[in-house]
């Protein structure tokens, strides 16, 4: 009988506690992993129980729905009635008949394994969905206990200058209990499971030093001035008046940490790294560079091998097409890049429009050879048209300069 009781307990734990445990482990991942142990044992037990029931209900509903619409088939060699009868047997402290069949036993463990994997995935998925949509900022029910995560990350609520797509880093000034002042880029605030601060870690940390201007400190101030004038990377001038000389000195090491017992107060500043346009321009230029490289490779390949995508009058026409496509394509990419040069548009609209106009004119010039490449006109006519276009282009540019 004792064996039956132990076996029943294991089954109950695997079904009604383990899925919830895995869900919470995945949900409280990353910076919120300490919140997994928050609350007392009874509270965590209830959460695991409720979340296990939620995962079982969700897993059953999705399996039924997918089987109904036949998107993905979830087939287990065990029926609902057999599962219910097994739990009735467990309640009576009897060994379930279903466990005596190896095939049925294998199916049950397949169901439990699938349920556990599903619970972990759904916990991780909900964690990322909440952060992606910013639901924890709008609805208190989704808010995590560690408020420092929200306070030290720039958003519209705590930084009025924050706009969509802006990227900020967090600078922090820490005053210690013995009146020492440190400043640097915040790496992480190490918090305990109740949301309190255990320690603050920073990188590129500087310590402030203040010297009174008197005979005693005159030599020290002269030495610091000499280091600053020699561009010492570890010494930065901060403030000076008739009575006080203040400078910052870099603390050696990659990471600096100060414990909660030594912290008197802190000040948080958000420093803008880039806005939406700068980030867009960076990725946009990277994409254009990759496109230009692909264009170059494909043009070289097509000039050597005929992929029979286009019927050319001759081999020379195909080679001319490959060379001209790379040149015209490159000019088209430059034209697109010029169109999205918002910085130039804001600073000098006249130069911006001139750059767009010149890029378009040169691009048109490299379009003209296609008429001969595809056999619409002979190469001699193309040569004459090109000379005439260049003459008109020279006349147009000279008139533009005269107007300026």
Protein backbone atom coordinates (compact mmCIF):
# COMPACT_ATOMS: atom_id res chain seq x y z
CA UNK A 1 0.00 0.00 0.00
CA UNK A 2 2.88 2.40 0.78
CA UNK A 3 4.24 1.81 -2.70
CA UNK A 4 0.85 2.71 -4.19
CA UNK A 5 0.73 5.93 -2.14
CA UNK A 6 4.22 6.97 -3.30
CA UNK A 7 3.36 6.12 -6.91
CA UNK A 8 0.10 8.06 -6.72
CA UNK A 9 1.94 11.09 -5.32
CA UNK A 10 4.42 11.04 -8.19
CA UNK A 11 1.61 10.91 -10.75
CA UNK A 12 -0.24 13.80 -9.10
CA UNK A 13 2.95 15.89 -9.03
CA UNK A 14 3.72 15.18 -12.69
CA UNK A 15 0.19 16.08 -13.79
CA UNK A 16 -0.90 18.88 -11.47
CA UNK A 17 2.35 20.57 -10.39
CA UNK A 18 5.12 19.98 -12.94
CA UNK A 19 3.44 21.79 -15.89
CA UNK A 20 2.83 24.85 -13.72
CA UNK A 21 6.41 24.71 -12.42
CA UNK A 22 7.78 24.64 -15.99
CA UNK A 23 5.42 27.43 -17.05
CA UNK A 24 6.59 29.70 -14.21
CA UNK A 25 10.25 28.81 -14.84
CA UNK A 26 9.95 29.91 -18.47
CA UNK A 27 7.76 32.91 -17.68
CA UNK A 28 10.11 34.27 -15.00
CA UNK A 29 13.21 33.95 -17.13
CA UNK A 30 16.01 36.40 -17.78
CA UNK A 31 16.09 39.42 -15.47
CA UNK A 32 13.00 38.26 -13.60
CA UNK A 33 14.29 34.83 -12.59
CA UNK A 34 14.46 35.79 -8.90
CA UNK A 35 10.73 36.44 -8.89
CA UNK A 36 10.21 32.71 -9.41
CA UNK A 37 10.97 32.17 -5.71
CA UNK A 38 8.89 35.13 -4.48
CA UNK A 39 6.13 34.47 -1.94
CA UNK A 40 5.86 31.66 0.57
CA UNK A 41 5.77 27.95 -0.17
CA UNK A 42 1.97 27.76 -0.05
CA UNK A 43 1.58 30.62 -2.55
CA UNK A 44 4.01 29.01 -4.99
CA UNK A 45 2.18 25.68 -4.58
CA UNK A 46 -1.15 27.31 -5.46
CA UNK A 47 0.33 29.09 -8.47
CA UNK A 48 1.85 25.85 -9.74
CA UNK A 49 -1.47 24.07 -9.26
CA UNK A 50 -3.56 26.75 -11.01
CA UNK A 51 -1.11 27.15 -13.87
CA UNK A 52 -0.92 23.38 -14.33
CA UNK A 53 -4.71 23.26 -14.70
CA UNK A 54 -4.47 26.18 -17.16
CA UNK A 55 -1.79 24.39 -19.21
CA UNK A 56 -3.76 21.12 -19.22
CA UNK A 57 -6.93 22.90 -20.38
CA UNK A 58 -5.05 24.87 -23.06
CA UNK A 59 -3.12 21.82 -24.28
CA UNK A 60 -6.33 19.76 -24.48
CA UNK A 61 -8.22 22.52 -26.29
CA UNK A 62 -5.47 23.10 -28.86
CA UNK A 63 -5.05 19.35 -29.46
CA UNK A 64 -8.80 18.95 -29.97
CA UNK A 65 -8.98 21.98 -32.27
CA UNK A 66 -6.02 20.89 -34.40
CA UNK A 67 -7.41 17.37 -34.71
CA UNK A 68 -10.81 18.82 -35.62
CA UNK A 69 -9.55 21.05 -38.43
CA UNK A 70 -6.83 18.49 -39.26
CA UNK A 71 -3.94 20.96 -39.23
CA UNK A 72 -1.69 18.78 -37.07
CA UNK A 73 -2.76 15.40 -35.76
CA UNK A 74 -2.17 14.71 -32.05
CA UNK A 75 -2.68 10.97 -31.75
CA UNK A 76 -2.13 9.14 -28.45
CA UNK A 77 -3.05 5.51 -27.88
CA UNK A 78 -5.16 6.34 -24.83
CA UNK A 79 -8.77 7.52 -24.47
CA UNK A 80 -10.30 10.11 -22.18
CA UNK A 81 -12.31 7.46 -20.35
CA UNK A 82 -9.15 5.46 -19.66
CA UNK A 83 -7.48 8.55 -18.17
CA UNK A 84 -10.55 9.26 -15.97
CA UNK A 85 -10.66 5.63 -14.81
CA UNK A 86 -6.95 5.84 -13.94
CA UNK A 87 -7.50 8.87 -11.72
CA UNK A 88 -10.44 7.13 -10.03
CA UNK A 89 -8.15 4.18 -9.31
CA UNK A 90 -5.49 6.53 -7.95
CA UNK A 91 -8.11 8.18 -5.72
CA UNK A 92 -9.01 4.72 -4.37
CA UNK A 93 -5.31 4.03 -3.83
CA UNK A 94 -5.40 1.28 -6.43
CA UNK A 95 -2.90 0.55 -9.16
CA UNK A 96 -4.51 1.69 -12.49
CA UNK A 97 -5.06 -1.06 -15.06
CA UNK A 98 -3.82 1.20 -17.82
CA UNK A 99 -0.31 1.10 -16.35
CA UNK A 100 -0.20 -2.66 -16.81
CA UNK A 101 -0.26 -2.26 -20.60
CA UNK A 102 3.17 -1.26 -21.97
CA UNK A 103 1.71 0.44 -25.07
CA UNK A 104 -0.76 2.44 -22.94
CA UNK A 105 1.97 3.33 -20.46
CA UNK A 106 4.16 4.60 -23.31
CA UNK A 107 1.30 6.76 -24.61
CA UNK A 108 0.69 8.26 -21.16
CA UNK A 109 4.32 9.29 -20.82
CA UNK A 110 4.17 10.75 -24.35
CA UNK A 111 1.17 12.84 -23.29
CA UNK A 112 2.95 14.00 -20.11
CA UNK A 113 6.14 14.84 -21.99
CA UNK A 114 4.19 16.81 -24.62
CA UNK A 115 2.28 18.64 -21.86
CA UNK A 116 5.52 19.59 -20.10
CA UNK A 117 7.15 20.88 -23.30
CA UNK A 118 3.98 22.78 -24.17
CA UNK A 119 3.86 24.38 -20.70
CA UNK A 120 7.44 25.65 -20.99
CA UNK A 121 6.85 26.97 -24.52
CA UNK A 122 3.62 28.77 -23.62
CA UNK A 123 5.29 30.36 -20.56
CA UNK A 124 8.22 31.62 -22.62
CA UNK A 125 5.85 32.78 -25.39
CA UNK A 126 3.63 34.77 -23.01
CA UNK A 127 6.69 36.33 -21.37
CA UNK A 128 7.89 37.68 -24.72
CA UNK A 129 4.42 38.72 -25.89
CA UNK A 130 3.90 40.82 -22.76
CA UNK A 131 7.20 42.62 -23.30
CA UNK A 132 6.80 43.00 -27.07
CA UNK A 133 3.39 44.65 -26.71
CA UNK A 134 4.30 46.56 -23.56
CA UNK A 135 1.34 45.08 -21.68
CA UNK A 136 3.19 45.20 -18.36
CA UNK A 137 3.29 49.00 -18.64
CA UNK A 138 -0.45 49.35 -19.35
CA UNK A 139 -1.98 46.70 -17.12
CA UNK A 140 -0.82 46.19 -13.55
CA UNK A 141 -1.82 42.51 -13.63
CA UNK A 142 1.06 41.82 -16.05
CA UNK A 143 3.59 43.93 -14.17
CA UNK A 144 6.56 42.11 -12.67
CA UNK A 145 7.63 42.83 -9.12
CA UNK A 146 11.08 44.17 -10.01
CA UNK A 147 10.23 47.85 -10.61
CA UNK A 148 13.89 48.72 -11.24
CA UNK A 149 13.63 47.11 -14.68
CA UNK A 150 11.02 49.70 -15.66
CA UNK A 151 12.70 52.64 -13.95
CA UNK A 152 16.11 52.08 -15.53
CA UNK A 153 14.88 51.54 -19.11
CA UNK A 154 13.89 54.61 -21.09
CA UNK A 155 10.24 54.85 -22.08
CA UNK A 156 7.68 57.59 -22.52
CA UNK A 157 6.56 57.30 -18.91
CA UNK A 158 9.91 58.02 -17.25
CA UNK A 159 11.56 59.97 -20.11
CA UNK A 160 9.46 62.72 -21.70
CA UNK A 161 11.92 63.03 -24.62
CA UNK A 162 11.58 59.36 -25.56
CA UNK A 163 10.07 58.73 -29.00
CA UNK A 164 9.21 55.58 -30.91
CA UNK A 165 12.38 53.83 -32.08
CA UNK A 166 14.76 55.87 -29.88
CA UNK A 167 17.64 54.01 -28.29
CA UNK A 168 18.99 55.17 -24.90
CA UNK A 169 21.56 53.90 -22.47
CA UNK A 170 21.19 54.47 -18.74
CA UNK A 171 23.74 56.53 -16.86
CA UNK A 172 23.65 56.31 -13.08
CA UNK A 173 25.18 58.43 -10.32
CA UNK A 174 25.57 56.74 -6.94
CA UNK A 175 26.28 58.48 -3.66
CA UNK A 176 27.70 56.19 -1.01
CA UNK A 177 27.06 56.34 2.72
CA UNK A 178 30.52 57.89 3.29
CA UNK A 179 29.79 60.73 0.78
CA UNK A 180 31.69 59.23 -2.16
CA UNK A 181 30.17 59.84 -5.59
CA UNK A 182 30.41 57.40 -8.52
CA UNK A 183 29.11 57.70 -12.07
CA UNK A 184 29.01 55.29 -15.00
CA UNK A 185 26.87 53.33 -17.41
CA UNK A 186 24.40 51.11 -15.60
CA UNK A 187 24.98 47.44 -16.23
CA UNK A 188 22.39 45.93 -13.89
CA UNK A 189 20.67 46.49 -10.59
CA UNK A 190 20.87 43.21 -8.73
CA UNK A 191 17.61 42.86 -6.83
CA UNK A 192 16.35 40.25 -4.42
CA UNK A 193 13.14 38.27 -4.75
CA UNK A 194 11.18 40.98 -2.90
CA UNK A 195 12.26 43.74 -5.31
CA UNK A 196 14.86 45.33 -3.03
CA UNK A 197 18.40 46.24 -4.14
CA UNK A 198 21.26 43.89 -3.33
CA UNK A 199 23.88 45.72 -5.39
CA UNK A 200 24.39 48.03 -8.36
CA UNK A 201 26.85 47.12 -11.11
CA UNK A 202 28.28 49.66 -13.55
CA UNK A 203 30.83 49.79 -16.32
CA UNK A 204 33.19 52.60 -17.35
CA UNK A 205 32.84 53.89 -13.81
CA UNK A 206 34.39 57.14 -12.57
CA UNK A 207 34.83 58.37 -9.02
CA UNK A 208 34.57 62.08 -8.19
CA UNK A 209 37.34 63.78 -6.26
CA UNK A 210 37.11 67.29 -4.78
CA UNK A 211 40.13 69.28 -3.62
CA UNK A 212 40.01 72.57 -1.76
CA UNK A 213 42.25 75.20 -3.26
CA UNK A 214 44.79 75.71 -0.52
CA UNK A 215 48.52 75.36 -0.04
CA UNK A 216 48.17 71.77 1.11
CA UNK A 217 46.46 70.62 -2.12
CA UNK A 218 48.34 72.87 -4.56
CA UNK A 219 50.84 70.18 -5.56
CA UNK A 220 48.11 67.55 -6.04
CA UNK A 221 46.03 69.93 -8.18
CA UNK A 222 49.07 70.70 -10.36
CA UNK A 223 49.67 66.98 -10.92
CA UNK A 224 46.04 66.43 -11.92
CA UNK A 225 46.15 69.43 -14.29
CA UNK A 226 49.26 67.96 -15.91
CA UNK A 227 47.53 64.60 -16.45
CA UNK A 228 44.46 66.31 -17.96
CA UNK A 229 46.61 68.41 -20.31
CA UNK A 230 48.43 65.21 -21.38
CA UNK A 231 45.03 63.68 -22.34
CA UNK A 232 45.18 60.96 -19.72
CA UNK A 233 42.12 58.74 -20.54
CA UNK A 234 41.56 58.00 -16.84
CA UNK A 235 41.31 61.62 -15.66
CA UNK A 236 38.48 64.02 -16.69
CA UNK A 237 38.00 67.59 -15.55
CA UNK A 238 34.59 68.10 -13.95
CA UNK A 239 34.29 71.51 -12.26
CA UNK A 240 36.46 74.32 -10.96
CA UNK A 241 35.82 77.60 -9.14
CA UNK A 242 37.79 79.92 -6.91
CA UNK A 243 37.54 77.58 -3.93
CA UNK A 244 37.17 74.05 -5.31
CA UNK A 245 38.82 71.80 -7.89
CA UNK A 246 36.75 68.76 -8.89
CA UNK A 247 37.72 65.97 -11.29
CA UNK A 248 36.72 62.42 -12.20
CA UNK A 249 39.07 59.44 -12.14
CA UNK A 250 38.33 56.19 -13.95
CA UNK A 251 38.11 53.12 -11.73
CA UNK A 252 40.20 50.35 -13.24
CA UNK A 253 38.36 47.19 -14.22
CA UNK A 254 35.48 46.32 -16.51
CA UNK A 255 32.71 46.12 -13.89
CA UNK A 256 32.29 48.11 -10.68
CA UNK A 257 29.84 46.99 -8.01
CA UNK A 258 28.53 48.72 -4.91
CA UNK A 259 26.38 46.93 -2.34
CA UNK A 260 23.08 48.16 -0.94
CA UNK A 261 24.55 48.79 2.51
CA UNK A 262 26.89 51.44 1.03
CA UNK A 263 24.27 53.23 -1.11
CA UNK A 264 22.74 56.46 0.16
CA UNK A 265 20.94 57.59 -3.01
CA UNK A 266 21.10 57.22 -6.78
CA UNK A 267 20.33 59.40 -9.79
CA UNK A 268 19.33 57.99 -13.18
CA UNK A 269 19.94 59.77 -16.51
CA UNK A 270 18.96 58.53 -19.96
CA UNK A 271 21.50 59.31 -22.70
CA UNK A 272 20.28 59.05 -26.28
CA UNK A 273 22.37 56.85 -28.53
CA UNK A 274 20.28 57.03 -31.69
CA UNK A 275 16.75 57.72 -32.86
CA UNK A 276 14.44 55.81 -35.14
CA UNK A 277 15.90 57.37 -38.27
CA UNK A 278 19.51 56.56 -37.37
CA UNK A 279 18.62 52.94 -36.66
CA UNK A 280 16.54 52.70 -39.85
CA UNK A 281 19.34 54.31 -41.90
CA UNK A 282 21.88 51.85 -40.50
CA UNK A 283 19.84 48.76 -41.42
CA UNK A 284 18.75 50.34 -44.70
CA UNK A 285 22.35 51.01 -45.79
CA UNK A 286 23.34 47.48 -44.76
CA UNK A 287 20.52 46.11 -46.92
CA UNK A 288 21.59 48.26 -49.89
CA UNK A 289 25.18 47.08 -49.52
CA UNK A 290 24.09 43.43 -49.53
CA UNK A 291 21.88 44.12 -52.55
CA UNK A 292 24.80 45.75 -54.39
CA UNK A 293 27.02 42.76 -53.62
CA UNK A 294 24.36 40.32 -54.89
CA UNK A 295 23.94 42.42 -58.02
CA UNK A 296 27.69 42.34 -58.66
CA UNK A 297 27.95 38.56 -58.16
CA UNK A 298 24.89 37.80 -60.33
CA UNK A 299 26.12 40.12 -63.10
CA UNK A 300 29.52 38.43 -63.21
CA UNK A 301 27.87 34.99 -63.19
CA UNK A 302 25.40 35.87 -65.95
CA UNK A 303 28.13 37.32 -68.15
CA UNK A 304 30.00 33.98 -67.95
CA UNK A 305 27.09 31.52 -67.98
CA UNK A 306 23.84 31.93 -69.86
CA UNK A 307 20.95 31.06 -67.53
CA UNK A 308 18.46 31.42 -70.44
CA UNK A 309 16.31 33.89 -68.51
CA UNK A 310 16.31 36.33 -71.43
CA UNK A 311 16.76 35.62 -75.14
CA UNK A 312 19.59 37.90 -76.31
CA UNK A 313 20.44 38.48 -80.00
CA UNK A 314 24.08 37.53 -79.32
CA UNK A 315 26.56 36.59 -76.61
CA UNK A 316 28.02 40.12 -76.65
CA UNK A 317 24.58 41.55 -75.94
CA UNK A 318 24.27 39.26 -72.89
CA UNK A 319 27.68 40.36 -71.61
CA UNK A 320 26.77 44.01 -72.23
CA UNK A 321 23.51 43.43 -70.34
CA UNK A 322 25.37 42.00 -67.34
CA UNK A 323 27.86 44.88 -67.20
CA UNK A 324 25.24 47.58 -67.75
CA UNK A 325 22.85 46.02 -65.22
CA UNK A 326 25.50 46.24 -62.53
CA UNK A 327 26.28 49.88 -63.39
CA UNK A 328 22.65 51.00 -63.70
CA UNK A 329 21.67 48.96 -60.66
CA UNK A 330 24.44 50.60 -58.62
CA UNK A 331 23.26 54.05 -59.71
CA UNK A 332 19.68 53.12 -58.83
CA UNK A 333 20.81 52.06 -55.34
CA UNK A 334 22.65 55.39 -54.97
CA UNK A 335 19.48 57.19 -56.06
CA UNK A 336 17.38 55.33 -53.47
CA UNK A 337 19.99 56.04 -50.77
CA UNK A 338 19.90 59.74 -51.69
CA UNK A 339 16.11 59.81 -51.47
CA UNK A 340 16.25 58.52 -47.88
CA UNK A 341 18.98 60.93 -46.80
CA UNK A 342 16.71 62.76 -44.37
CA UNK A 343 19.67 64.36 -42.58
CA UNK A 344 20.72 66.15 -45.76
CA UNK A 345 17.09 67.08 -46.43
CA UNK A 346 16.85 68.80 -43.04
CA UNK A 347 20.21 70.62 -43.19
CA UNK A 348 20.42 71.64 -46.86
CA UNK A 349 17.32 71.09 -49.01
CA UNK A 350 18.92 72.69 -52.07
CA UNK A 351 21.93 70.38 -52.00
CA UNK A 352 19.58 67.44 -51.33
CA UNK A 353 17.45 68.19 -54.42
CA UNK A 354 20.57 68.74 -56.56
CA UNK A 355 21.98 65.39 -55.48
CA UNK A 356 18.70 63.62 -56.31
CA UNK A 357 18.46 65.35 -59.68
CA UNK A 358 22.03 64.52 -60.70
CA UNK A 359 21.68 60.88 -59.62
CA UNK A 360 18.48 60.55 -61.67
CA UNK A 361 20.05 62.12 -64.78
CA UNK A 362 23.06 59.80 -64.68
CA UNK A 363 20.77 56.83 -64.04
CA UNK A 364 18.75 57.64 -67.18
CA UNK A 365 21.98 57.77 -69.21
CA UNK A 366 22.75 54.17 -68.25
CA UNK A 367 19.23 53.07 -69.18
CA UNK A 368 19.79 54.00 -72.85
CA UNK A 369 22.05 50.99 -73.71
CA UNK A 370 19.15 48.59 -73.05
CA UNK A 371 17.50 49.68 -76.31
CA UNK A 372 20.49 48.25 -78.20
CA UNK A 373 21.07 45.31 -75.86
CA UNK A 374 17.55 43.97 -76.56
CA UNK A 375 17.83 44.72 -80.29
CA UNK A 376 15.35 47.60 -80.58
CA UNK A 377 17.94 49.91 -82.16
CA UNK A 378 21.42 49.39 -83.56
CA UNK A 379 24.49 50.23 -81.49
CA UNK A 380 25.36 53.10 -83.85
CA UNK A 381 22.06 54.83 -83.08
CA UNK A 382 22.67 54.31 -79.38
CA UNK A 383 26.06 56.03 -79.74
CA UNK A 384 24.46 59.04 -81.46
CA UNK A 385 21.67 59.26 -78.87
CA UNK A 386 24.21 59.06 -76.05
CA UNK A 387 26.32 61.90 -77.52
CA UNK A 388 23.17 64.03 -77.92
CA UNK A 389 22.09 63.26 -74.34
CA UNK A 390 25.50 64.23 -72.98
CA UNK A 391 25.37 67.49 -74.93
CA UNK A 392 21.95 68.33 -73.53
CA UNK A 393 23.14 67.31 -70.10
CA UNK A 394 26.16 69.64 -70.32
CA UNK A 395 23.96 72.51 -71.42
CA UNK A 396 21.52 71.86 -68.58
CA UNK A 397 24.28 71.78 -65.96
CA UNK A 398 25.82 75.01 -67.22
CA UNK A 399 22.44 76.76 -67.01
CA UNK A 400 21.95 75.47 -63.49
CA UNK A 401 25.33 76.87 -62.42
CA UNK A 402 24.53 80.25 -63.99
CA UNK A 403 21.26 80.40 -62.02
CA UNK A 404 23.15 79.66 -58.80
